[in-house]
């Protein structure tokens, strides 16, 4: 089974939603998604919980998680799609789109 990582800074918004949607739509026998952040927030944004609840996806127990370097290394061994630190899009546009 493949593991897909959705990462962002706070793991309180977009990456939580992306992982939830992936898990909703993907065949669980073939792939699953996880999410994490480089500086996790204290909670998933209320707006995210409400938006996902409106479409029938419950994130009420979701918690922001820290993106461990070891986790990235394990995933990058199996996938060429893990960006390097030098190519970190979030770092280049941090603050441009807000937090989460």
Protein backbone atom coordinates (compact mmCIF):
# COMPACT_ATOMS: atom_id res chain seq x y z
CA UNK A 1 0.00 0.00 0.00
CA UNK A 2 1.23 3.51 -0.82
CA UNK A 3 1.23 6.32 1.72
CA UNK A 4 0.69 9.84 0.44
CA UNK A 5 1.86 12.77 2.57
CA UNK A 6 0.12 16.15 2.39
CA UNK A 7 2.32 18.68 4.16
CA UNK A 8 2.00 22.36 4.98
CA UNK A 9 3.17 24.68 7.71
CA UNK A 10 0.47 24.42 10.40
CA UNK A 11 -1.35 21.22 9.38
CA UNK A 12 -4.55 22.91 10.47
CA UNK A 13 -6.28 23.55 7.15
CA UNK A 14 -5.39 22.63 3.59
CA UNK A 15 -3.30 19.54 4.28
CA UNK A 16 -5.95 18.15 6.63
CA UNK A 17 -8.61 18.63 3.96
CA UNK A 18 -6.43 17.18 1.20
CA UNK A 19 -5.66 14.03 3.20
CA UNK A 20 -9.31 13.60 4.17
CA UNK A 21 -10.48 13.94 0.57
CA UNK A 22 -7.80 11.56 -0.66
CA UNK A 23 -8.80 8.96 1.93
CA UNK A 24 -12.46 9.42 1.04
CA UNK A 25 -11.87 8.86 -2.67
CA UNK A 26 -8.95 6.42 -2.82
CA UNK A 27 -9.13 2.64 -2.63
CA UNK A 28 -7.91 1.96 0.96
CA UNK A 29 -6.33 -1.31 -0.17
CA UNK A 30 -4.04 0.63 -2.53
CA UNK A 31 -3.26 3.96 -0.84
CA UNK A 32 -3.86 6.12 2.19
CA UNK A 33 -3.00 9.70 3.01
CA UNK A 34 -1.52 11.31 6.07
CA UNK A 35 -0.89 14.98 6.77
CA UNK A 36 1.62 16.89 8.86
CA UNK A 37 3.13 20.34 9.25
CA UNK A 38 6.53 21.87 9.83
CA UNK A 39 5.15 24.08 12.64
CA UNK A 40 1.83 22.46 13.62
CA UNK A 41 -0.95 24.55 15.06
CA UNK A 42 -2.79 23.70 18.25
CA UNK A 43 -5.99 22.59 16.50
CA UNK A 44 -7.58 22.09 13.11
CA UNK A 45 -9.34 25.28 12.04
CA UNK A 46 -13.04 25.41 12.92
CA UNK A 47 -13.87 26.41 9.34
CA UNK A 48 -12.18 23.25 8.07
CA UNK A 49 -14.15 21.05 10.48
CA UNK A 50 -17.41 22.70 9.43
CA UNK A 51 -16.67 22.59 5.70
CA UNK A 52 -15.75 18.94 5.78
CA UNK A 53 -18.75 18.08 7.96
CA UNK A 54 -21.00 19.72 5.33
CA UNK A 55 -19.80 17.16 2.76
CA UNK A 56 -20.03 14.23 5.15
CA UNK A 57 -16.39 13.93 6.23
CA UNK A 58 -15.79 13.97 9.98
CA UNK A 59 -12.49 15.56 11.04
CA UNK A 60 -13.59 16.21 14.62
CA UNK A 61 -10.83 13.99 16.02
CA UNK A 62 -8.09 15.27 13.67
CA UNK A 63 -5.09 16.91 15.31
CA UNK A 64 -2.21 18.82 13.69
CA UNK A 65 0.89 16.64 13.56
CA UNK A 66 4.57 17.52 13.34
CA UNK A 67 6.32 16.60 10.09
CA UNK A 68 9.26 14.56 11.24
CA UNK A 69 12.33 14.54 9.00
CA UNK A 70 12.48 10.76 9.44
CA UNK A 71 8.95 10.43 8.05
CA UNK A 72 9.90 12.47 4.99
CA UNK A 73 13.03 10.38 4.48
CA UNK A 74 11.04 7.12 4.63
CA UNK A 75 8.53 8.44 2.10
CA UNK A 76 11.16 9.94 -0.20
CA UNK A 77 12.89 6.57 -0.42
CA UNK A 78 9.79 5.28 -2.19
CA UNK A 79 8.71 8.34 -4.16
CA UNK A 80 10.44 10.90 -6.33
CA UNK A 81 7.72 13.46 -5.52
CA UNK A 82 8.89 14.61 -2.08
CA UNK A 83 10.28 18.14 -2.48
CA UNK A 84 13.67 18.99 -1.10
CA UNK A 85 14.21 21.81 1.36
CA UNK A 86 15.71 23.90 -1.43
CA UNK A 87 12.50 23.49 -3.44
CA UNK A 88 10.08 24.08 -0.56
CA UNK A 89 7.20 26.06 -2.06
CA UNK A 90 5.75 26.90 1.37
CA UNK A 91 8.97 28.54 2.47
CA UNK A 92 9.08 30.73 -0.62
CA UNK A 93 5.52 32.02 -0.30
CA UNK A 94 5.08 31.88 3.48
CA UNK A 95 2.66 34.58 4.50
CA UNK A 96 1.35 35.13 0.99
CA UNK A 97 -1.85 33.15 1.46
CA UNK A 98 -2.28 33.30 5.23
CA UNK A 99 -1.89 30.42 7.64
CA UNK A 100 -3.15 26.87 7.69
